[in-house]
């Protein structure tokens, strides 16, 4: 799976304000709903229900909230670098400043796992994460994500 198949340049935001985990997920749900033409409530509920199972804060200031969403035909992703880190109940208790929202069609678990694995691989690269944190423009974040990681 190639990242550009599910994240587009216009789906990258920098300096997103978020006062809390819930406000952040609500904001991302609104942005995704606008991009996808789906009800914001469906998106927020799917993400919120997934977070109830356990935090998607994977550590090192990174979270990858993900969920299947009714009515979605293809995987969709968004990346946000936050203006200020927020508590995300991460595995290492480090506040999150990089969030990658992944929304999936409900029917294919292999696609779901491939998309999630693709994003996780990118964010394991300290070079990619450093580039995201230093980016001035959304285009720079997107370029860092699309770079081949050795």
N, C-alpha and C. Protein backbone atom coordinates (compact mmCIF):
# COMPACT_ATOMS: atom_id res chain seq x y z
N UNK A 1 0.86 -1.19 0.00
CA UNK A 1 0.00 0.00 0.00
C UNK A 1 0.89 1.23 0.00
N UNK A 2 0.54 2.19 -0.84
CA UNK A 2 1.30 3.44 -0.95
C UNK A 2 0.50 4.55 -0.27
N UNK A 3 1.17 5.33 0.56
CA UNK A 3 0.52 6.38 1.35
C UNK A 3 -0.31 7.33 0.49
N UNK A 4 0.17 7.67 -0.69
CA UNK A 4 -0.57 8.63 -1.53
C UNK A 4 -1.90 8.06 -2.04
N UNK A 5 -2.13 6.78 -1.84
CA UNK A 5 -3.42 6.19 -2.21
C UNK A 5 -4.53 6.56 -1.23
N UNK A 6 -4.16 6.91 0.00
CA UNK A 6 -5.20 7.23 0.99
C UNK A 6 -5.02 8.57 1.69
N UNK A 7 -3.90 9.24 1.48
CA UNK A 7 -3.72 10.60 2.01
C UNK A 7 -3.35 11.52 0.85
N UNK A 8 -4.08 12.60 0.73
CA UNK A 8 -3.83 13.59 -0.32
C UNK A 8 -3.20 14.84 0.30
N UNK A 9 -2.51 15.65 -0.50
CA UNK A 9 -1.86 16.85 0.05
C UNK A 9 -2.82 17.77 0.80
N UNK A 10 -4.05 17.87 0.33
CA UNK A 10 -5.02 18.76 0.98
C UNK A 10 -5.54 18.19 2.31
N UNK A 11 -5.14 16.97 2.64
CA UNK A 11 -5.56 16.34 3.90
C UNK A 11 -4.50 16.47 4.99
N UNK A 12 -3.58 17.41 4.82
CA UNK A 12 -2.53 17.64 5.80
C UNK A 12 -2.73 19.02 6.41
N UNK A 13 -2.67 19.08 7.75
CA UNK A 13 -2.84 20.34 8.47
C UNK A 13 -1.68 20.53 9.44
N UNK A 14 -1.24 21.77 9.58
CA UNK A 14 -0.23 22.05 10.59
C UNK A 14 -0.77 23.11 11.54
N UNK A 15 -0.25 23.06 12.76
CA UNK A 15 -0.64 23.98 13.83
C UNK A 15 -2.13 23.96 14.11
N UNK A 16 -2.71 22.76 14.07
CA UNK A 16 -4.12 22.59 14.38
C UNK A 16 -4.33 22.80 15.88
N UNK A 17 -5.24 23.70 16.28
CA UNK A 17 -5.50 23.87 17.71
C UNK A 17 -6.39 22.73 18.22
N UNK A 18 -6.06 22.22 19.39
CA UNK A 18 -6.87 21.15 19.99
C UNK A 18 -6.66 21.20 21.50
N UNK A 19 -7.71 21.54 22.22
CA UNK A 19 -7.59 21.67 23.67
C UNK A 19 -7.61 20.35 24.42
N UNK A 20 -8.13 19.30 23.77
CA UNK A 20 -8.23 18.00 24.43
C UNK A 20 -8.34 16.92 23.35
N UNK A 21 -8.22 15.69 23.78
CA UNK A 21 -8.36 14.56 22.87
C UNK A 21 -9.73 14.57 22.20
N UNK A 22 -10.78 14.77 22.98
CA UNK A 22 -12.14 14.77 22.43
C UNK A 22 -12.33 15.90 21.42
N UNK A 23 -11.84 17.10 21.76
CA UNK A 23 -11.95 18.23 20.83
C UNK A 23 -11.16 17.97 19.55
N UNK A 24 -10.00 17.36 19.70
CA UNK A 24 -9.18 17.02 18.53
C UNK A 24 -9.92 16.03 17.63
N UNK A 25 -10.46 14.96 18.20
CA UNK A 25 -11.18 13.98 17.40
C UNK A 25 -12.42 14.58 16.75
N UNK A 26 -13.09 15.50 17.45
CA UNK A 26 -14.25 16.18 16.87
C UNK A 26 -13.83 17.05 15.69
N UNK A 27 -12.73 17.78 15.84
CA UNK A 27 -12.23 18.64 14.77
C UNK A 27 -11.84 17.82 13.55
N UNK A 28 -11.11 16.73 13.77
CA UNK A 28 -10.70 15.87 12.66
C UNK A 28 -11.93 15.24 11.99
N UNK A 29 -12.91 14.87 12.78
CA UNK A 29 -14.15 14.29 12.23
C UNK A 29 -14.86 15.30 11.32
N UNK A 30 -14.89 16.56 11.75
CA UNK A 30 -15.52 17.61 10.93
C UNK A 30 -14.79 17.79 9.61
N UNK A 31 -13.47 17.84 9.67
CA UNK A 31 -12.68 18.00 8.45
C UNK A 31 -12.87 16.81 7.51
N UNK A 32 -12.86 15.61 8.07
CA UNK A 32 -13.05 14.40 7.26
C UNK A 32 -14.45 14.37 6.65
N UNK A 33 -15.45 14.77 7.42
CA UNK A 33 -16.83 14.78 6.92
C UNK A 33 -16.96 15.72 5.73
N UNK A 34 -16.32 16.87 5.82
CA UNK A 34 -16.35 17.83 4.70
C UNK A 34 -15.68 17.23 3.46
N UNK A 35 -14.55 16.59 3.66
CA UNK A 35 -13.81 16.02 2.53
C UNK A 35 -14.54 14.84 1.90
N UNK A 36 -15.25 14.07 2.71
CA UNK A 36 -15.86 12.83 2.24
C UNK A 36 -17.34 12.95 1.92
N UNK A 37 -17.98 14.02 2.39
CA UNK A 37 -19.42 14.16 2.19
C UNK A 37 -20.22 13.16 3.01
N UNK A 38 -19.68 12.78 4.16
CA UNK A 38 -20.36 11.85 5.07
C UNK A 38 -20.78 12.59 6.34
N UNK A 39 -21.75 12.07 7.07
CA UNK A 39 -22.18 12.73 8.32
C UNK A 39 -21.06 12.75 9.36
N UNK A 40 -20.82 13.92 9.92
CA UNK A 40 -19.76 14.08 10.92
C UNK A 40 -20.02 13.17 12.12
N UNK A 41 -21.29 12.97 12.46
CA UNK A 41 -21.63 12.13 13.62
C UNK A 41 -21.16 10.70 13.41
N UNK A 42 -21.31 10.18 12.18
CA UNK A 42 -20.89 8.81 11.90
C UNK A 42 -19.38 8.65 12.07
N UNK A 43 -18.64 9.64 11.59
CA UNK A 43 -17.18 9.58 11.67
C UNK A 43 -16.73 9.70 13.13
N UNK A 44 -17.27 10.70 13.83
CA UNK A 44 -16.87 10.89 15.22
C UNK A 44 -17.22 9.67 16.06
N UNK A 45 -18.40 9.12 15.87
CA UNK A 45 -18.83 7.96 16.66
C UNK A 45 -17.93 6.76 16.41
N UNK A 46 -17.55 6.55 15.15
CA UNK A 46 -16.67 5.42 14.82
C UNK A 46 -15.31 5.57 15.51
N UNK A 47 -14.75 6.77 15.46
CA UNK A 47 -13.44 7.01 16.08
C UNK A 47 -13.56 6.92 17.60
N UNK A 48 -14.59 7.54 18.14
CA UNK A 48 -14.80 7.55 19.58
C UNK A 48 -14.98 6.12 20.11
N UNK A 49 -15.76 5.30 19.40
CA UNK A 49 -15.95 3.91 19.81
C UNK A 49 -14.63 3.14 19.79
N UNK A 50 -13.80 3.40 18.78
CA UNK A 50 -12.50 2.72 18.71
C UNK A 50 -11.62 3.14 19.88
N UNK A 51 -11.63 4.42 20.23
CA UNK A 51 -10.80 4.90 21.33
C UNK A 51 -11.25 4.31 22.67
N UNK A 52 -12.53 3.98 22.80
CA UNK A 52 -13.03 3.36 24.03
C UNK A 52 -12.38 1.99 24.26
N UNK A 53 -11.97 1.34 23.17
CA UNK A 53 -11.32 0.03 23.28
C UNK A 53 -9.89 0.15 23.79
N UNK A 54 -9.30 1.31 23.63
CA UNK A 54 -7.93 1.57 24.04
C UNK A 54 -7.37 2.70 23.20
N UNK A 55 -6.51 3.48 23.78
CA UNK A 55 -5.96 4.64 23.08
C UNK A 55 -5.16 4.22 21.85
N UNK A 56 -5.29 5.01 20.80
CA UNK A 56 -4.49 4.81 19.60
C UNK A 56 -3.23 5.68 19.63
N UNK A 57 -2.92 6.22 20.80
CA UNK A 57 -1.66 6.92 21.00
C UNK A 57 -0.55 5.88 21.07
N UNK A 58 0.30 5.85 20.05
CA UNK A 58 1.28 4.77 19.91
C UNK A 58 2.62 5.08 20.57
N UNK A 59 2.78 6.29 21.08
CA UNK A 59 4.02 6.67 21.76
C UNK A 59 4.81 7.69 20.97
N UNK A 60 5.78 8.31 21.65
CA UNK A 60 6.64 9.33 21.05
C UNK A 60 5.87 10.52 20.50
N UNK A 61 4.72 10.83 21.10
CA UNK A 61 3.94 11.99 20.66
C UNK A 61 3.12 11.76 19.42
N UNK A 62 2.86 10.50 19.08
CA UNK A 62 2.15 10.16 17.85
C UNK A 62 0.88 9.36 18.17
N UNK A 63 -0.21 9.69 17.48
CA UNK A 63 -1.45 8.93 17.59
C UNK A 63 -1.95 8.59 16.19
N UNK A 64 -2.52 7.39 16.07
CA UNK A 64 -3.09 6.96 14.80
C UNK A 64 -4.52 6.48 15.03
N UNK A 65 -5.44 7.42 15.29
CA UNK A 65 -6.84 7.00 15.45
C UNK A 65 -7.35 6.42 14.13
N UNK A 66 -8.05 5.31 14.24
CA UNK A 66 -8.52 4.62 13.04
C UNK A 66 -9.82 3.89 13.34
N UNK A 67 -10.66 3.77 12.30
CA UNK A 67 -11.94 3.07 12.48
C UNK A 67 -12.59 2.84 11.13
N UNK A 68 -13.39 1.78 11.03
CA UNK A 68 -14.22 1.62 9.85
C UNK A 68 -15.39 2.60 9.93
N UNK A 69 -15.80 3.15 8.79
CA UNK A 69 -16.88 4.13 8.76
C UNK A 69 -17.92 3.70 7.73
N UNK A 70 -19.18 3.62 8.14
CA UNK A 70 -20.25 3.27 7.20
C UNK A 70 -20.31 4.26 6.04
N UNK A 71 -20.49 3.73 4.84
CA UNK A 71 -20.64 4.58 3.66
C UNK A 71 -19.33 4.94 2.99
N UNK A 72 -18.21 4.52 3.55
CA UNK A 72 -16.91 4.82 2.97
C UNK A 72 -16.51 3.69 2.02
N UNK A 73 -16.10 4.05 0.80
CA UNK A 73 -15.77 3.05 -0.21
C UNK A 73 -14.27 2.76 -0.31
N UNK A 74 -13.45 3.74 0.03
CA UNK A 74 -12.00 3.59 -0.07
C UNK A 74 -11.36 4.16 1.20
N UNK A 75 -10.16 3.70 1.55
CA UNK A 75 -9.49 4.26 2.73
C UNK A 75 -9.25 5.76 2.57
N UNK A 76 -9.32 6.47 3.69
CA UNK A 76 -9.12 7.91 3.70
C UNK A 76 -8.24 8.26 4.91
N UNK A 77 -7.27 9.13 4.70
CA UNK A 77 -6.40 9.55 5.79
C UNK A 77 -6.19 11.04 5.85
N UNK A 78 -5.93 11.50 7.05
CA UNK A 78 -5.58 12.91 7.30
C UNK A 78 -4.41 12.92 8.28
N UNK A 79 -3.56 13.93 8.15
CA UNK A 79 -2.44 14.10 9.07
C UNK A 79 -2.50 15.51 9.64
N UNK A 80 -2.35 15.60 10.95
CA UNK A 80 -2.35 16.91 11.60
C UNK A 80 -1.18 17.01 12.57
N UNK A 81 -0.47 18.11 12.46
CA UNK A 81 0.50 18.44 13.50
C UNK A 81 -0.17 19.49 14.36
N UNK A 82 -0.22 19.25 15.64
CA UNK A 82 -0.96 20.12 16.54
C UNK A 82 -0.16 21.35 16.95
N UNK A 83 -0.89 22.42 17.21
CA UNK A 83 -0.25 23.65 17.69
C UNK A 83 0.41 23.41 19.04
N UNK A 84 -0.30 22.69 19.94
CA UNK A 84 0.23 22.31 21.25
C UNK A 84 -0.14 20.86 21.49
N UNK A 85 0.77 20.07 22.04
CA UNK A 85 0.46 18.66 22.31
C UNK A 85 -0.72 18.51 23.27
N UNK A 86 -1.47 17.42 23.11
CA UNK A 86 -2.59 17.11 24.00
C UNK A 86 -2.41 15.72 24.60
N UNK A 87 -2.97 15.53 25.78
CA UNK A 87 -2.96 14.22 26.41
C UNK A 87 -3.85 13.30 25.58
N UNK A 88 -3.31 12.16 25.17
CA UNK A 88 -4.05 11.23 24.32
C UNK A 88 -4.12 9.86 24.98
N UNK A 89 -3.75 9.80 26.27
CA UNK A 89 -3.72 8.53 27.00
C UNK A 89 -2.84 7.52 26.27
N UNK A 90 -1.71 8.01 25.75
CA UNK A 90 -0.79 7.17 24.98
C UNK A 90 -0.11 6.13 25.85
N UNK A 91 0.43 5.12 25.20
CA UNK A 91 1.09 4.02 25.91
C UNK A 91 2.26 4.51 26.76
N UNK A 92 2.91 5.59 26.36
CA UNK A 92 4.06 6.11 27.10
C UNK A 92 3.75 7.39 27.88
N UNK A 93 2.47 7.79 27.89
CA UNK A 93 2.00 8.99 28.59
C UNK A 93 2.59 10.30 28.05
N UNK A 94 3.23 10.27 26.89
CA UNK A 94 3.75 11.49 26.27
C UNK A 94 2.61 12.15 25.49
N UNK A 95 2.36 13.45 25.71
CA UNK A 95 1.31 14.13 24.95
C UNK A 95 1.57 14.05 23.44
N UNK A 96 0.50 14.04 22.69
CA UNK A 96 0.55 13.84 21.24
C UNK A 96 0.59 15.18 20.50
N UNK A 97 1.47 15.27 19.49
CA UNK A 97 1.51 16.45 18.63
C UNK A 97 1.39 16.08 17.15
N UNK A 98 1.43 14.79 16.82
CA UNK A 98 1.24 14.33 15.45
C UNK A 98 0.11 13.31 15.46
N UNK A 99 -0.92 13.57 14.66
CA UNK A 99 -2.08 12.69 14.62
C UNK A 99 -2.37 12.32 13.17
N UNK A 100 -2.51 11.02 12.94
CA UNK A 100 -2.85 10.50 11.62
C UNK A 100 -4.18 9.79 11.73
N UNK A 101 -5.22 10.40 11.20
CA UNK A 101 -6.56 9.82 11.21
C UNK A 101 -6.71 8.91 10.00
N UNK A 102 -7.11 7.67 10.25
CA UNK A 102 -7.34 6.72 9.16
C UNK A 102 -8.75 6.18 9.24
N UNK A 103 -9.51 6.39 8.18
CA UNK A 103 -10.88 5.90 8.10
C UNK A 103 -10.94 4.85 7.01
N UNK A 104 -11.62 3.75 7.30
CA UNK A 104 -11.62 2.61 6.39
C UNK A 104 -13.03 2.17 6.01
N UNK A 105 -13.14 1.58 4.80
CA UNK A 105 -14.39 0.89 4.48
C UNK A 105 -14.50 -0.31 5.43
N UNK A 106 -15.70 -0.71 5.76
CA UNK A 106 -15.87 -1.78 6.73
C UNK A 106 -15.59 -3.18 6.23
N UNK A 107 -15.59 -3.40 4.92
CA UNK A 107 -15.62 -4.77 4.42
C UNK A 107 -14.28 -5.49 4.32
N UNK A 108 -13.16 -4.82 4.17
CA UNK A 108 -11.90 -5.52 3.91
C UNK A 108 -10.90 -5.35 5.05
N UNK A 109 -10.72 -6.41 5.83
CA UNK A 109 -9.78 -6.31 6.94
C UNK A 109 -8.33 -6.28 6.44
N UNK A 110 -8.05 -6.90 5.28
CA UNK A 110 -6.67 -6.87 4.78
C UNK A 110 -6.29 -5.46 4.35
N UNK A 111 -7.20 -4.74 3.70
CA UNK A 111 -6.93 -3.34 3.33
C UNK A 111 -6.71 -2.51 4.59
N UNK A 112 -7.56 -2.70 5.57
CA UNK A 112 -7.47 -1.97 6.83
C UNK A 112 -6.08 -2.16 7.44
N UNK A 113 -5.65 -3.40 7.53
CA UNK A 113 -4.34 -3.69 8.12
C UNK A 113 -3.19 -3.14 7.28
N UNK A 114 -3.32 -3.19 5.96
CA UNK A 114 -2.27 -2.66 5.08
C UNK A 114 -2.12 -1.15 5.23
N UNK A 115 -3.24 -0.44 5.31
CA UNK A 115 -3.20 1.02 5.47
C UNK A 115 -2.58 1.37 6.82
N UNK A 116 -3.03 0.69 7.86
CA UNK A 116 -2.50 0.95 9.20
C UNK A 116 -1.00 0.64 9.27
N UNK A 117 -0.58 -0.46 8.68
CA UNK A 117 0.84 -0.83 8.67
C UNK A 117 1.67 0.18 7.88
N UNK A 118 1.15 0.65 6.77
CA UNK A 118 1.86 1.64 5.95
C UNK A 118 2.13 2.91 6.77
N UNK A 119 1.10 3.40 7.46
CA UNK A 119 1.25 4.61 8.26
C UNK A 119 2.21 4.37 9.43
N UNK A 120 2.07 3.24 10.09
CA UNK A 120 2.94 2.95 11.23
C UNK A 120 4.41 2.88 10.80
N UNK A 121 4.66 2.27 9.64
CA UNK A 121 6.04 2.19 9.13
C UNK A 121 6.61 3.58 8.90
N UNK A 122 5.82 4.46 8.29
CA UNK A 122 6.30 5.83 8.03
C UNK A 122 6.66 6.54 9.34
N UNK A 123 5.81 6.35 10.34
CA UNK A 123 5.99 7.09 11.59
C UNK A 123 7.01 6.44 12.53
N UNK A 124 7.52 5.29 12.17
CA UNK A 124 8.62 4.69 12.92
C UNK A 124 9.95 5.32 12.54
N UNK A 125 9.98 6.02 11.42
CA UNK A 125 11.20 6.67 10.96
C UNK A 125 11.41 7.98 11.71
N UNK A 126 12.51 8.06 12.45
CA UNK A 126 12.78 9.30 13.19
C UNK A 126 13.01 10.46 12.23
N UNK A 127 13.52 10.18 11.04
CA UNK A 127 13.73 11.23 10.03
C UNK A 127 12.39 11.82 9.59
N UNK A 128 11.41 10.96 9.33
CA UNK A 128 10.08 11.43 8.90
C UNK A 128 9.43 12.24 10.01
N UNK A 129 9.47 11.72 11.23
CA UNK A 129 8.84 12.41 12.37
C UNK A 129 9.51 13.76 12.61
N UNK A 130 10.83 13.81 12.53
CA UNK A 130 11.55 15.07 12.71
C UNK A 130 11.14 16.08 11.63
N UNK A 131 11.02 15.62 10.39
CA UNK A 131 10.61 16.49 9.28
C UNK A 131 9.20 17.04 9.50
N UNK A 132 8.31 16.19 10.00
CA UNK A 132 6.93 16.64 10.27
C UNK A 132 6.94 17.72 11.34
N UNK A 133 7.71 17.49 12.38
CA UNK A 133 7.74 18.46 13.50
C UNK A 133 8.40 19.78 13.11
N UNK A 134 9.30 19.76 12.12
CA UNK A 134 9.99 20.98 11.71
C UNK A 134 9.32 21.68 10.53
N UNK A 135 8.35 21.05 9.92
CA UNK A 135 7.72 21.61 8.72
C UNK A 135 7.06 22.96 9.00
N UNK A 136 7.16 23.84 8.02
CA UNK A 136 6.53 25.15 8.09
C UNK A 136 5.23 25.13 7.28
N UNK A 137 5.19 24.30 6.26
CA UNK A 137 4.04 24.23 5.36
C UNK A 137 3.48 22.81 5.31
N UNK A 138 2.17 22.67 5.09
CA UNK A 138 1.58 21.34 4.96
C UNK A 138 2.25 20.51 3.85
N UNK A 139 2.68 21.17 2.79
CA UNK A 139 3.32 20.48 1.68
C UNK A 139 4.61 19.77 2.14
N UNK A 140 5.30 20.37 3.10
CA UNK A 140 6.53 19.77 3.62
C UNK A 140 6.21 18.50 4.42
N UNK A 141 5.11 18.52 5.16
CA UNK A 141 4.68 17.33 5.90
C UNK A 141 4.35 16.22 4.91
N UNK A 142 3.60 16.57 3.88
CA UNK A 142 3.21 15.57 2.88
C UNK A 142 4.45 14.98 2.19
N UNK A 143 5.39 15.83 1.86
CA UNK A 143 6.62 15.36 1.20
C UNK A 143 7.40 14.41 2.13
N UNK A 144 7.46 14.74 3.41
CA UNK A 144 8.15 13.87 4.36
C UNK A 144 7.46 12.51 4.45
N UNK A 145 6.15 12.50 4.43
CA UNK A 145 5.40 11.25 4.50
C UNK A 145 5.57 10.41 3.24
N UNK A 146 5.68 11.06 2.10
CA UNK A 146 5.77 10.34 0.84
C UNK A 146 7.18 9.91 0.47
N UNK A 147 8.18 10.41 1.20
CA UNK A 147 9.56 10.01 0.95
C UNK A 147 9.72 8.52 1.20
N UNK A 148 10.55 7.89 0.41
CA UNK A 148 10.85 6.47 0.64
C UNK A 148 11.68 6.35 1.91
N UNK A 149 11.25 5.49 2.81
CA UNK A 149 11.96 5.26 4.06
C UNK A 149 12.81 4.01 3.90
N UNK A 150 14.10 4.16 4.16
CA UNK A 150 15.02 3.01 3.99
C UNK A 150 14.89 2.05 5.16
